[in-house]
Structure formats: C-alpha cells, structure tokens
C-alpha cells in the first residue's frame, strides 16, 4: 500500500473521528457521570462496532446497503430512534438530580455500557457511509485487500479508542468543578438535547447512492 495514501487516509480518519458526534457525547457522559472503566468498556465496544461496519463494507454487503433505499431507511430510523432514546434518558437523569440528588443515578454495569456503545456504533449511518463511500477509495485494488483492510481498520479503531478515552478523561478531570447539582442538571439537559438533535438530523441524512 502506498505510504502517501495511507497518511492521507490517517489524516482524514483522524479529523472525522475527533469531530463531535453521538459516540463523543456518550464518552463525555460516561466520564463525567460514571468512571474511566465504563469509558474504556464503552470505547472498546464502539471500535468493535466500527470493525463490523468496516468488514461489511469490504465484504460487499455495504453495496447492498447503499443501493437499497429501504434497508438504508431502516438502519437510519433505528439509529435515529436510539439516539432520541438516549436523549430522553439524559433528560430523565436531569430530573433525578432535580428531584432527588446525584446518587439517584445508578452506576452503569459493564454489560450495559458495552451494548449501549456497540449498538450506537452499528446503527449510526454516518460511519456506515464513511466505510462504504470513503474507505474503499483508499484501497489499492492491485494489491491484496486483506492486509490493507486490517491496517486501515486498525488505524481507524486506534484513533477512535484513544479519542473517546481522552474525551471521557477530560470530562472526568472536569468533574471536580462541574460536579454540583445545577451544573449536572444542565449537563444532562444539554447532552440530552444534543442526542435528540442528532437523532432528528439522521432522519434527514440521504443515501449517498440516491
């Protein structure tokens, strides 16, 4: 694989990954409300979901997804509904702080954190479009695809895990001066609004092949 193309791919992937999105907001929430172990589990689940999406794009199933308006619509709706559900959960957490106190929010189990993040990754149309529409453009079809797949997917997963972990760590580090009743109420309200906004935005996302 050409090193210049690989560097370009890494550059594009990096800036795609660090831009705010559902996974970033989830990492911030986990870091601020829970702990770094939850952040790590959630970040790991996210990159497993990304690996699955990458494998789908390489296997050719991605072509079916992008050319089938019905299938794309189903994935889009599921992703949008799940984001809105997470947003509603955040608003409910805000109500818990308001009506009771901080301890009213239960600590997530590792299992819950894992499945929450994994499902969020595999139902988000944006990374689906990235792996199906952009990922293949960096492949050298004259060389073996499998090594390129693992190298490029590995780079994407590495950037994703580190990025989400750092976002979670920053939120955790800021917990000391953010951790008061009113601030946490507004944090949950704002992130809840962002999740719902992202969910509504996904309903407007168009299939790149249409």
N, C-alpha and C. Protein backbone atom coordinates (compact mmCIF):
# COMPACT_ATOMS: atom_id res chain seq x y z
N UNK A 1 0.85 -1.19 0.00
CA UNK A 1 0.00 0.00 0.00
C UNK A 1 0.88 1.24 0.00
N UNK A 2 0.50 2.23 -0.81
CA UNK A 2 1.27 3.46 -0.91
C UNK A 2 1.24 4.22 0.41
N UNK A 3 2.44 4.61 0.89
CA UNK A 3 2.53 5.29 2.19
C UNK A 3 1.85 6.66 2.17
N UNK A 4 1.93 7.35 1.05
CA UNK A 4 1.28 8.67 0.95
C UNK A 4 -0.24 8.54 1.08
N UNK A 5 -0.79 7.51 0.44
CA UNK A 5 -2.23 7.28 0.53
C UNK A 5 -2.62 6.91 1.95
N UNK A 6 -1.78 6.10 2.60
CA UNK A 6 -2.05 5.68 3.97
C UNK A 6 -2.04 6.88 4.91
N UNK A 7 -1.09 7.79 4.71
CA UNK A 7 -1.01 9.00 5.54
C UNK A 7 -2.24 9.88 5.32
N UNK A 8 -2.64 10.00 4.07
CA UNK A 8 -3.84 10.78 3.76
C UNK A 8 -5.08 10.17 4.41
N UNK A 9 -5.16 8.84 4.34
CA UNK A 9 -6.28 8.14 4.97
C UNK A 9 -6.28 8.39 6.49
N UNK A 10 -5.11 8.28 7.10
CA UNK A 10 -4.99 8.51 8.55
C UNK A 10 -5.41 9.94 8.90
N UNK A 11 -5.02 10.89 8.06
CA UNK A 11 -5.37 12.30 8.28
C UNK A 11 -6.88 12.49 8.21
N UNK A 12 -7.50 11.96 7.17
CA UNK A 12 -8.95 12.07 7.01
C UNK A 12 -9.67 11.38 8.17
N UNK A 13 -9.22 10.18 8.52
CA UNK A 13 -9.85 9.42 9.60
C UNK A 13 -9.77 10.16 10.92
N UNK A 14 -8.60 10.73 11.20
CA UNK A 14 -8.39 11.41 12.48
C UNK A 14 -9.38 12.55 12.67
N UNK A 15 -9.52 13.39 11.65
CA UNK A 15 -10.40 14.55 11.79
C UNK A 15 -11.87 14.15 11.74
N UNK A 16 -12.17 13.06 11.07
CA UNK A 16 -13.54 12.54 11.10
C UNK A 16 -13.87 12.06 12.52
N UNK A 17 -12.92 11.37 13.13
CA UNK A 17 -13.15 10.74 14.43
C UNK A 17 -13.28 11.76 15.56
N UNK A 18 -12.42 12.79 15.55
CA UNK A 18 -12.44 13.73 16.68
C UNK A 18 -13.59 14.73 16.61
N UNK A 19 -14.29 14.79 15.47
CA UNK A 19 -15.42 15.71 15.37
C UNK A 19 -16.55 15.21 16.27
N UNK A 20 -17.25 16.12 16.94
CA UNK A 20 -18.32 15.72 17.87
C UNK A 20 -19.41 14.90 17.19
N UNK A 21 -19.83 13.88 17.87
CA UNK A 21 -20.89 13.00 17.37
C UNK A 21 -21.46 12.21 18.52
N UNK A 22 -22.37 11.29 18.26
CA UNK A 22 -23.00 10.51 19.34
C UNK A 22 -22.01 9.78 20.24
N UNK A 23 -20.98 9.17 19.65
CA UNK A 23 -20.01 8.42 20.46
C UNK A 23 -19.23 9.35 21.39
N UNK A 24 -18.92 10.55 20.90
CA UNK A 24 -18.19 11.54 21.71
C UNK A 24 -19.06 11.99 22.89
N UNK A 25 -20.32 12.30 22.61
CA UNK A 25 -21.20 12.74 23.69
C UNK A 25 -21.41 11.64 24.72
N UNK A 26 -21.46 10.40 24.25
CA UNK A 26 -21.60 9.27 25.18
C UNK A 26 -20.35 9.13 26.04
N UNK A 27 -19.18 9.32 25.44
CA UNK A 27 -17.92 9.24 26.20
C UNK A 27 -17.86 10.35 27.25
N UNK A 28 -18.28 11.55 26.88
CA UNK A 28 -18.29 12.67 27.83
C UNK A 28 -19.23 12.38 29.00
N UNK A 29 -20.38 11.83 28.68
CA UNK A 29 -21.35 11.49 29.72
C UNK A 29 -20.81 10.41 30.65
N UNK A 30 -20.24 9.37 30.07
CA UNK A 30 -19.69 8.29 30.89
C UNK A 30 -18.55 8.78 31.78
N UNK A 31 -17.70 9.66 31.23
CA UNK A 31 -16.58 10.17 32.01
C UNK A 31 -17.04 11.05 33.15
N UNK A 32 -18.03 11.87 32.91
CA UNK A 32 -18.49 12.81 33.92
C UNK A 32 -19.38 12.15 34.97
N UNK A 33 -20.24 11.26 34.54
CA UNK A 33 -21.23 10.67 35.44
C UNK A 33 -20.76 9.36 36.06
N UNK A 34 -19.95 8.59 35.32
CA UNK A 34 -19.55 7.27 35.80
C UNK A 34 -18.05 7.23 36.09
N UNK A 35 -17.31 6.35 35.46
CA UNK A 35 -15.88 6.25 35.76
C UNK A 35 -15.12 5.82 34.51
N UNK A 36 -13.78 5.79 34.60
CA UNK A 36 -12.95 5.53 33.44
C UNK A 36 -13.04 4.07 32.98
N UNK A 37 -13.38 3.16 33.86
CA UNK A 37 -13.56 1.77 33.44
C UNK A 37 -14.77 1.66 32.50
N UNK A 38 -15.82 2.40 32.85
CA UNK A 38 -17.00 2.43 31.97
C UNK A 38 -16.64 3.08 30.64
N UNK A 39 -15.85 4.14 30.68
CA UNK A 39 -15.40 4.81 29.45
C UNK A 39 -14.61 3.84 28.58
N UNK A 40 -13.71 3.07 29.20
CA UNK A 40 -12.87 2.12 28.46
C UNK A 40 -13.72 1.03 27.82
N UNK A 41 -14.66 0.47 28.59
CA UNK A 41 -15.54 -0.58 28.06
C UNK A 41 -16.38 -0.04 26.91
N UNK A 42 -16.93 1.15 27.10
CA UNK A 42 -17.76 1.77 26.08
C UNK A 42 -16.95 2.07 24.81
N UNK A 43 -15.72 2.56 24.99
CA UNK A 43 -14.85 2.87 23.84
C UNK A 43 -14.48 1.59 23.09
N UNK A 44 -14.22 0.52 23.84
CA UNK A 44 -13.88 -0.76 23.21
C UNK A 44 -15.06 -1.30 22.41
N UNK A 45 -16.26 -1.18 22.98
CA UNK A 45 -17.47 -1.64 22.28
C UNK A 45 -17.67 -0.84 21.00
N UNK A 46 -17.38 0.46 21.06
CA UNK A 46 -17.53 1.31 19.88
C UNK A 46 -16.62 0.86 18.75
N UNK A 47 -15.36 0.55 19.06
CA UNK A 47 -14.44 0.18 17.98
C UNK A 47 -14.75 -1.21 17.44
N UNK A 48 -15.35 -2.07 18.26
CA UNK A 48 -15.80 -3.37 17.74
C UNK A 48 -16.93 -3.16 16.74
N UNK A 49 -17.82 -2.22 17.05
CA UNK A 49 -18.88 -1.88 16.11
C UNK A 49 -18.33 -1.32 14.82
N UNK A 50 -17.30 -0.48 14.93
CA UNK A 50 -16.66 0.10 13.75
C UNK A 50 -15.97 -0.99 12.92
N UNK A 51 -15.37 -1.97 13.60
CA UNK A 51 -14.74 -3.08 12.89
C UNK A 51 -15.78 -3.85 12.08
N UNK A 52 -16.94 -4.06 12.69
CA UNK A 52 -18.02 -4.77 12.00
C UNK A 52 -18.47 -4.00 10.76
N UNK A 53 -18.62 -2.68 10.88
CA UNK A 53 -19.02 -1.86 9.74
C UNK A 53 -17.97 -1.90 8.64
N UNK A 54 -16.70 -1.87 9.03
CA UNK A 54 -15.62 -1.94 8.05
C UNK A 54 -15.64 -3.28 7.32
N UNK A 55 -15.84 -4.36 8.07
CA UNK A 55 -15.89 -5.69 7.47
C UNK A 55 -17.06 -5.81 6.50
N UNK A 56 -18.19 -5.20 6.86
CA UNK A 56 -19.36 -5.22 5.98
C UNK A 56 -19.06 -4.49 4.68
N UNK A 57 -18.37 -3.36 4.77
CA UNK A 57 -18.06 -2.58 3.57
C UNK A 57 -17.13 -3.35 2.64
N UNK A 58 -16.19 -4.08 3.20
CA UNK A 58 -15.23 -4.85 2.40
C UNK A 58 -15.89 -6.10 1.80
N UNK A 59 -16.80 -6.70 2.55
CA UNK A 59 -17.41 -7.96 2.10
C UNK A 59 -18.35 -7.77 0.92
N UNK A 60 -18.75 -6.53 0.68
CA UNK A 60 -19.66 -6.28 -0.43
C UNK A 60 -21.09 -6.06 0.02
N UNK A 61 -21.36 -6.37 1.30
CA UNK A 61 -22.70 -6.15 1.81
C UNK A 61 -23.03 -4.66 1.87
N UNK A 62 -21.97 -3.85 1.97
CA UNK A 62 -22.16 -2.41 2.01
C UNK A 62 -22.81 -1.89 0.74
N UNK A 63 -22.49 -2.52 -0.37
CA UNK A 63 -23.09 -2.10 -1.64
C UNK A 63 -24.60 -2.30 -1.61
N UNK A 64 -25.00 -3.44 -1.01
CA UNK A 64 -26.44 -3.72 -0.88
C UNK A 64 -27.10 -2.65 -0.02
N UNK A 65 -26.42 -2.26 1.06
CA UNK A 65 -26.97 -1.28 1.98
C UNK A 65 -27.17 0.07 1.29
N UNK A 66 -26.15 0.51 0.54
CA UNK A 66 -26.23 1.82 -0.07
C UNK A 66 -27.14 1.86 -1.28
N UNK A 67 -27.33 0.72 -1.93
CA UNK A 67 -28.19 0.70 -3.12
C UNK A 67 -29.64 0.36 -2.78
N UNK A 68 -29.88 -0.13 -1.57
CA UNK A 68 -31.24 -0.44 -1.15
C UNK A 68 -31.78 0.70 -0.31
N UNK A 69 -32.70 1.48 -0.89
CA UNK A 69 -33.27 2.61 -0.17
C UNK A 69 -34.03 2.15 1.07
N UNK A 70 -34.71 1.02 0.98
CA UNK A 70 -35.49 0.51 2.10
C UNK A 70 -34.59 0.11 3.26
N UNK A 71 -33.52 -0.64 2.96
CA UNK A 71 -32.61 -1.09 4.01
C UNK A 71 -31.91 0.10 4.66
N UNK A 72 -31.48 1.04 3.83
CA UNK A 72 -30.82 2.23 4.38
C UNK A 72 -31.78 2.98 5.29
N UNK A 73 -33.04 3.11 4.87
CA UNK A 73 -34.04 3.81 5.68
C UNK A 73 -34.26 3.11 7.01
N UNK A 74 -34.28 1.78 7.01
CA UNK A 74 -34.47 1.01 8.25
C UNK A 74 -33.33 1.28 9.23
N UNK A 75 -32.09 1.21 8.71
CA UNK A 75 -30.92 1.46 9.57
C UNK A 75 -30.95 2.88 10.10
N UNK A 76 -31.31 3.82 9.23
CA UNK A 76 -31.35 5.23 9.62
C UNK A 76 -32.38 5.47 10.71
N UNK A 77 -33.56 4.88 10.56
CA UNK A 77 -34.61 5.07 11.55
C UNK A 77 -34.24 4.45 12.89
N UNK A 78 -33.66 3.24 12.85
CA UNK A 78 -33.24 2.58 14.09
C UNK A 78 -32.21 3.45 14.81
N UNK A 79 -31.22 3.95 14.06
CA UNK A 79 -30.19 4.80 14.65
C UNK A 79 -30.78 6.07 15.24
N UNK A 80 -31.70 6.70 14.51
CA UNK A 80 -32.32 7.94 14.97
C UNK A 80 -33.13 7.71 16.25
N UNK A 81 -33.92 6.63 16.25
CA UNK A 81 -34.75 6.32 17.42
C UNK A 81 -33.88 6.04 18.64
N UNK A 82 -32.76 5.34 18.43
CA UNK A 82 -31.88 5.03 19.56
C UNK A 82 -31.23 6.29 20.12
N UNK A 83 -30.83 7.22 19.25
CA UNK A 83 -30.25 8.48 19.72
C UNK A 83 -31.28 9.28 20.51
N UNK A 84 -32.50 9.32 20.02
CA UNK A 84 -33.56 10.04 20.72
C UNK A 84 -33.84 9.39 22.08
N UNK A 85 -33.78 8.05 22.10
CA UNK A 85 -33.95 7.31 23.36
C UNK A 85 -32.87 7.70 24.37
N UNK A 86 -31.61 7.79 23.91
CA UNK A 86 -30.53 8.19 24.80
C UNK A 86 -30.74 9.61 25.29
N UNK A 87 -31.25 10.47 24.41
CA UNK A 87 -31.52 11.84 24.81
C UNK A 87 -32.58 11.91 25.90
N UNK A 88 -33.63 11.12 25.75
CA UNK A 88 -34.68 11.08 26.76
C UNK A 88 -34.14 10.57 28.09
N UNK A 89 -33.23 9.59 28.01
CA UNK A 89 -32.60 9.07 29.23
C UNK A 89 -31.83 10.18 29.95
N UNK A 90 -31.15 11.04 29.16
CA UNK A 90 -30.40 12.14 29.76
C UNK A 90 -31.34 13.12 30.46
N UNK A 91 -32.46 13.41 29.84
CA UNK A 91 -33.43 14.31 30.47
C UNK A 91 -33.99 13.68 31.75
N UNK A 92 -34.18 12.38 31.74
CA UNK A 92 -34.66 11.69 32.94
C UNK A 92 -33.61 11.75 34.05
N UNK A 93 -32.32 11.65 33.66
CA UNK A 93 -31.25 11.78 34.65
C UNK A 93 -31.24 13.18 35.25
N UNK A 94 -31.52 14.18 34.40
CA UNK A 94 -31.59 15.56 34.90
C UNK A 94 -32.72 15.69 35.91
N UNK A 95 -33.85 15.05 35.65
CA UNK A 95 -34.98 15.08 36.58
C UNK A 95 -34.62 14.40 37.89
N UNK A 96 -33.82 13.33 37.79
CA UNK A 96 -33.40 12.62 39.01
C UNK A 96 -32.57 13.52 39.90
N UNK A 97 -31.66 14.28 39.27
CA UNK A 97 -30.86 15.23 40.04
C UNK A 97 -31.74 16.31 40.67
N UNK A 98 -32.69 16.74 39.89
CA UNK A 98 -33.54 17.84 40.34
C UNK A 98 -34.45 17.44 41.49
N UNK A 99 -35.01 16.23 41.38
CA UNK A 99 -35.99 15.82 42.36
C UNK A 99 -35.36 15.15 43.57
N UNK A 100 -34.17 14.52 43.33
CA UNK A 100 -33.55 13.81 44.44
C UNK A 100 -32.14 14.33 44.64
N UNK A 101 -31.15 13.56 44.22
CA UNK A 101 -29.77 14.00 44.33
C UNK A 101 -28.91 13.17 43.41
N UNK A 102 -27.64 13.43 43.38
CA UNK A 102 -26.74 12.79 42.43
C UNK A 102 -26.69 11.28 42.56
N UNK A 103 -26.86 10.77 43.79
CA UNK A 103 -26.76 9.32 43.98
C UNK A 103 -27.95 8.58 43.40
N UNK A 104 -28.98 9.34 42.95
CA UNK A 104 -30.15 8.67 42.38
C UNK A 104 -29.87 8.05 41.03
N UNK A 105 -28.77 8.47 40.38
CA UNK A 105 -28.40 7.88 39.10
C UNK A 105 -27.55 6.64 39.37
N UNK A 106 -28.01 5.51 38.91
CA UNK A 106 -27.32 4.26 39.16
C UNK A 106 -26.08 4.13 38.29
N UNK A 107 -25.06 3.53 38.84
CA UNK A 107 -23.84 3.26 38.08
C UNK A 107 -24.14 2.22 37.00
N UNK A 108 -23.66 2.47 35.80
CA UNK A 108 -23.87 1.52 34.71
C UNK A 108 -23.09 0.24 34.97
N UNK A 109 -23.65 -0.87 34.54
CA UNK A 109 -22.88 -2.11 34.55
C UNK A 109 -22.01 -2.12 33.30
N UNK A 110 -20.95 -2.92 33.31
CA UNK A 110 -20.08 -3.01 32.14
C UNK A 110 -20.85 -3.54 30.94
N UNK A 111 -21.76 -4.46 31.21
CA UNK A 111 -22.56 -5.05 30.14
C UNK A 111 -23.43 -3.99 29.47
N UNK A 112 -24.07 -3.16 30.29
CA UNK A 112 -24.92 -2.10 29.76
C UNK A 112 -24.11 -1.11 28.94
N UNK A 113 -22.95 -0.71 29.47
CA UNK A 113 -22.08 0.24 28.77
C UNK A 113 -21.61 -0.33 27.44
N UNK A 114 -21.29 -1.63 27.43
CA UNK A 114 -20.81 -2.27 26.21
C UNK A 114 -21.88 -2.29 25.14
N UNK A 115 -23.05 -2.82 25.47
CA UNK A 115 -24.11 -2.95 24.47
C UNK A 115 -24.64 -1.59 24.02
N UNK A 116 -24.69 -0.64 24.93
CA UNK A 116 -25.16 0.70 24.58
C UNK A 116 -24.26 1.32 23.52
N UNK A 117 -22.95 1.24 23.72
CA UNK A 117 -22.00 1.83 22.78
C UNK A 117 -21.92 1.06 21.48
N UNK A 118 -21.94 -0.27 21.56
CA UNK A 118 -21.86 -1.10 20.36
C UNK A 118 -23.06 -0.86 19.46
N UNK A 119 -24.24 -0.83 20.05
CA UNK A 119 -25.46 -0.62 19.26
C UNK A 119 -25.46 0.78 18.66
N UNK A 120 -24.95 1.74 19.41
CA UNK A 120 -24.87 3.11 18.90
C UNK A 120 -23.96 3.17 17.68
N UNK A 121 -22.85 2.43 17.72
CA UNK A 121 -21.90 2.44 16.60
C UNK A 121 -22.47 1.81 15.34
N UNK A 122 -23.11 0.66 15.49
CA UNK A 122 -23.55 -0.08 14.29
C UNK A 122 -24.84 0.44 13.70
N UNK A 123 -25.54 1.34 14.40
CA UNK A 123 -26.78 1.88 13.85
C UNK A 123 -26.65 3.35 13.44
N UNK A 124 -25.43 3.87 13.52
CA UNK A 124 -25.22 5.26 13.13
C UNK A 124 -24.87 5.32 11.64
N UNK A 125 -25.72 5.90 10.80
CA UNK A 125 -25.47 5.92 9.35
C UNK A 125 -24.19 6.67 8.94
N UNK A 126 -23.74 7.60 9.77
CA UNK A 126 -22.56 8.38 9.37
C UNK A 126 -21.30 7.51 9.22
N UNK A 127 -20.92 6.69 10.23
CA UNK A 127 -19.77 5.82 10.00
C UNK A 127 -20.04 4.75 8.94
N UNK A 128 -21.31 4.37 8.78
CA UNK A 128 -21.66 3.41 7.72
C UNK A 128 -21.29 4.01 6.38
N UNK A 129 -21.67 5.28 6.18
CA UNK A 129 -21.36 5.95 4.92
C UNK A 129 -19.86 6.13 4.75
N UNK A 130 -19.16 6.42 5.85
CA UNK A 130 -17.71 6.57 5.77
C UNK A 130 -17.06 5.30 5.25
N UNK A 131 -17.41 4.17 5.85
CA UNK A 131 -16.77 2.92 5.46
C UNK A 131 -17.20 2.44 4.08
N UNK A 132 -18.40 2.79 3.68
CA UNK A 132 -18.87 2.33 2.38
C UNK A 132 -18.49 3.27 1.24
N UNK A 133 -18.56 4.57 1.51
CA UNK A 133 -18.31 5.54 0.45
C UNK A 133 -16.86 6.03 0.38
N UNK A 134 -16.19 6.16 1.53
CA UNK A 134 -14.83 6.72 1.55
C UNK A 134 -13.75 5.66 1.71
N UNK A 135 -13.98 4.74 2.61
CA UNK A 135 -12.98 3.71 2.92
C UNK A 135 -12.45 3.00 1.67
N UNK A 136 -13.32 2.52 0.77
CA UNK A 136 -12.83 1.77 -0.40
C UNK A 136 -11.98 2.61 -1.35
N UNK A 137 -12.15 3.94 -1.32
CA UNK A 137 -11.41 4.79 -2.23
C UNK A 137 -9.91 4.83 -1.92
N UNK A 138 -9.54 4.44 -0.71
CA UNK A 138 -8.13 4.44 -0.32
C UNK A 138 -7.47 3.07 -0.55
N UNK A 139 -8.25 2.10 -0.98
CA UNK A 139 -7.71 0.76 -1.22
C UNK A 139 -6.98 0.70 -2.56
N UNK A 140 -5.89 -0.03 -2.57
CA UNK A 140 -5.16 -0.30 -3.81
C UNK A 140 -5.64 -1.66 -4.32
N UNK A 141 -6.46 -1.64 -5.35
CA UNK A 141 -7.08 -2.87 -5.85
C UNK A 141 -6.08 -3.80 -6.53
N UNK A 142 -4.88 -3.31 -6.82
CA UNK A 142 -3.85 -4.14 -7.44
C UNK A 142 -3.07 -4.95 -6.40
N UNK A 143 -3.31 -4.63 -5.14
CA UNK A 143 -2.64 -5.35 -4.05
C UNK A 143 -3.67 -6.13 -3.26
N UNK A 144 -3.18 -7.01 -2.39
CA UNK A 144 -4.08 -7.83 -1.57
C UNK A 144 -4.94 -6.93 -0.68
N UNK A 145 -6.24 -7.17 -0.68
CA UNK A 145 -7.17 -6.34 0.07
C UNK A 145 -7.11 -6.60 1.58
N UNK A 146 -6.91 -7.87 1.95
CA UNK A 146 -6.98 -8.23 3.37
C UNK A 146 -5.98 -7.48 4.24
N UNK A 147 -4.68 -7.43 3.88
CA UNK A 147 -3.74 -6.66 4.71
C UNK A 147 -4.12 -5.18 4.79
N UNK A 148 -4.57 -4.61 3.68
CA UNK A 148 -4.98 -3.20 3.68
C UNK A 148 -6.18 -2.99 4.60
N UNK A 149 -7.10 -3.95 4.56
CA UNK A 149 -8.29 -3.86 5.41
C UNK A 149 -7.90 -3.79 6.88
N UNK A 150 -7.01 -4.69 7.32
CA UNK A 150 -6.64 -4.72 8.73
C UNK A 150 -5.82 -3.50 9.13
N UNK A 151 -4.95 -3.04 8.25
CA UNK A 151 -4.14 -1.85 8.55
C UNK A 151 -5.03 -0.61 8.68
N UNK A 152 -5.87 -0.38 7.67
CA UNK A 152 -6.71 0.81 7.67
C UNK A 152 -7.77 0.77 8.76
N UNK A 153 -8.37 -0.39 8.97
CA UNK A 153 -9.36 -0.52 10.03
C UNK A 153 -8.69 -0.38 11.39
N UNK A 154 -7.49 -0.94 11.53
CA UNK A 154 -6.75 -0.82 12.78
C UNK A 154 -6.43 0.62 13.12
N UNK A 155 -6.05 1.40 12.11
CA UNK A 155 -5.77 2.83 12.32
C UNK A 155 -7.03 3.54 12.80
N UNK A 156 -8.15 3.25 12.14
CA UNK A 156 -9.41 3.90 12.49
C UNK A 156 -9.84 3.52 13.91
N UNK A 157 -9.70 2.25 14.25
CA UNK A 157 -10.08 1.79 15.59
C UNK A 157 -9.18 2.40 16.65
N UNK A 158 -7.88 2.50 16.36
CA UNK A 158 -6.93 3.09 17.31
C UNK A 158 -7.28 4.54 17.59
N UNK A 159 -7.46 5.31 16.53
CA UNK A 159 -7.83 6.72 16.69
C UNK A 159 -9.14 6.85 17.46
N UNK A 160 -10.10 5.99 17.15
CA UNK A 160 -11.41 6.07 17.79
C UNK A 160 -11.32 5.79 19.29
N UNK A 161 -10.60 4.72 19.64
CA UNK A 161 -10.50 4.36 21.06
C UNK A 161 -9.79 5.47 21.84
N UNK A 162 -8.64 5.93 21.32
CA UNK A 162 -7.87 6.97 22.01
C UNK A 162 -8.69 8.24 22.13
N UNK A 163 -9.37 8.62 21.05
CA UNK A 163 -10.17 9.84 21.06
C UNK A 163 -11.28 9.78 22.10
N UNK A 164 -12.04 8.69 22.10
CA UNK A 164 -13.14 8.56 23.05
C UNK A 164 -12.63 8.48 24.48
N UNK A 165 -11.53 7.80 24.69
CA UNK A 165 -10.96 7.69 26.04
C UNK A 165 -10.51 9.05 26.54
N UNK A 166 -9.89 9.85 25.66
CA UNK A 166 -9.43 11.18 26.04
C UNK A 166 -10.62 12.09 26.35
N UNK A 167 -11.66 12.02 25.52
CA UNK A 167 -12.87 12.81 25.79
C UNK A 167 -13.44 12.43 27.16
N UNK A 168 -13.50 11.13 27.44
CA UNK A 168 -14.00 10.68 28.73
C UNK A 168 -13.12 11.13 29.88
N UNK A 169 -11.79 11.10 29.66
CA UNK A 169 -10.84 11.52 30.70
C UNK A 169 -10.97 13.00 30.99
N UNK A 170 -11.13 13.81 29.94
CA UNK A 170 -11.30 15.25 30.11
C UNK A 170 -12.56 15.54 30.93
N UNK A 171 -13.64 14.83 30.59
CA UNK A 171 -14.88 15.02 31.33
C UNK A 171 -14.70 14.60 32.79
N UNK A 172 -13.98 13.50 33.01
CA UNK A 172 -13.73 13.03 34.36
C UNK A 172 -12.89 14.03 35.15
N UNK A 173 -11.87 14.60 34.48
CA UNK A 173 -10.99 15.57 35.14
C UNK A 173 -11.75 16.84 35.51
N UNK A 174 -12.75 17.18 34.70
CA UNK A 174 -13.53 18.39 34.95
C UNK A 174 -14.64 18.17 35.96
N UNK A 175 -14.77 16.93 36.42
CA UNK A 175 -15.88 16.58 37.30
C UNK A 175 -15.84 17.37 38.60
N UNK A 176 -14.63 17.66 39.07
CA UNK A 176 -14.48 18.36 40.34
C UNK A 176 -15.19 19.70 40.37
N UNK A 177 -15.02 20.50 39.32
CA UNK A 177 -15.64 21.83 39.32
C UNK A 177 -16.99 21.87 38.60
N UNK A 178 -17.33 20.75 37.94
CA UNK A 178 -18.65 20.69 37.31
C UNK A 178 -19.67 19.99 38.21
N UNK A 179 -19.14 19.30 39.21
CA UNK A 179 -20.00 18.42 40.00
C UNK A 179 -20.77 19.19 41.08
N UNK A 180 -21.78 19.89 40.65
CA UNK A 180 -22.74 20.45 41.58
C UNK A 180 -24.12 20.23 40.98
N UNK A 181 -25.13 20.33 41.81
CA UNK A 181 -26.46 19.92 41.41
C UNK A 181 -26.95 20.63 40.14
N UNK A 182 -26.89 21.95 40.12
CA UNK A 182 -27.42 22.70 38.98
C UNK A 182 -26.62 22.44 37.70
N UNK A 183 -25.29 22.37 37.83
CA UNK A 183 -24.45 22.14 36.65
C UNK A 183 -24.75 20.78 36.04
N UNK A 184 -24.89 19.75 36.89
CA UNK A 184 -25.16 18.41 36.39
C UNK A 184 -26.55 18.32 35.76
N UNK A 185 -27.50 19.04 36.32
CA UNK A 185 -28.83 19.06 35.72
C UNK A 185 -28.75 19.60 34.30
N UNK A 186 -28.04 20.72 34.15
CA UNK A 186 -27.93 21.33 32.81
C UNK A 186 -27.06 20.51 31.87
N UNK A 187 -26.06 19.82 32.43
CA UNK A 187 -25.24 18.94 31.59
C UNK A 187 -26.11 17.86 30.96
N UNK A 188 -26.95 17.23 31.75
CA UNK A 188 -27.83 16.18 31.24
C UNK A 188 -28.86 16.75 30.26
N UNK A 189 -29.36 17.93 30.54
CA UNK A 189 -30.32 18.55 29.63
C UNK A 189 -29.67 18.87 28.28
N UNK A 190 -28.47 19.44 28.34
CA UNK A 190 -27.79 19.83 27.09
C UNK A 190 -27.41 18.60 26.27
N UNK A 191 -26.77 17.60 26.93
CA UNK A 191 -26.39 16.40 26.18
C UNK A 191 -27.63 15.64 25.70
N UNK A 192 -28.69 15.66 26.52
CA UNK A 192 -29.93 15.03 26.08
C UNK A 192 -30.48 15.71 24.83
N UNK A 193 -30.43 17.04 24.83
CA UNK A 193 -30.87 17.79 23.65
C UNK A 193 -30.01 17.50 22.44
N UNK A 194 -28.70 17.33 22.66
CA UNK A 194 -27.78 17.02 21.55
C UNK A 194 -28.09 15.65 20.96
N UNK A 195 -28.32 14.65 21.82
CA UNK A 195 -28.66 13.32 21.33
C UNK A 195 -29.95 13.35 20.51
N UNK A 196 -30.95 14.05 21.05
CA UNK A 196 -32.22 14.14 20.32
C UNK A 196 -32.04 14.89 19.01
N UNK A 197 -31.24 15.97 19.05
CA UNK A 197 -30.97 16.74 17.83
C UNK A 197 -30.25 15.90 16.78
N UNK A 198 -29.27 15.10 17.22
CA UNK A 198 -28.56 14.22 16.30
C UNK A 198 -29.50 13.17 15.72
N UNK A 199 -30.39 12.66 16.57
CA UNK A 199 -31.36 11.68 16.09
C UNK A 199 -32.26 12.26 15.02
N UNK A 200 -32.74 13.48 15.24
CA UNK A 200 -33.59 14.13 14.26
C UNK A 200 -32.81 14.46 12.98
N UNK A 201 -31.53 14.81 13.14
CA UNK A 201 -30.69 15.10 11.98
C UNK A 201 -30.51 13.87 11.10
N UNK A 202 -30.38 12.70 11.74
CA UNK A 202 -30.20 11.46 10.98
C UNK A 202 -31.38 11.17 10.08
N UNK A 203 -32.55 11.61 10.48
CA UNK A 203 -33.72 11.36 9.64
C UNK A 203 -33.65 12.13 8.32
N UNK A 204 -32.78 13.15 8.28
CA UNK A 204 -32.61 13.94 7.06
C UNK A 204 -31.43 13.47 6.22
N UNK A 205 -30.67 12.49 6.76
CA UNK A 205 -29.48 12.00 6.06
C UNK A 205 -29.88 11.20 4.83
N UNK A 206 -29.26 11.54 3.72
CA UNK A 206 -29.60 10.87 2.46
C UNK A 206 -28.59 9.77 2.12
N UNK A 207 -29.07 8.76 1.46
CA UNK A 207 -28.21 7.70 0.94
C UNK A 207 -27.31 8.30 -0.13
N UNK A 208 -26.00 8.08 -0.04
CA UNK A 208 -25.06 8.67 -0.99
C UNK A 208 -25.25 8.14 -2.39
N UNK A 209 -25.92 7.01 -2.54
CA UNK A 209 -26.09 6.42 -3.86
C UNK A 209 -27.42 6.86 -4.51
N UNK A 210 -28.23 7.65 -3.78
CA UNK A 210 -29.52 8.07 -4.32
C UNK A 210 -29.44 9.47 -4.88
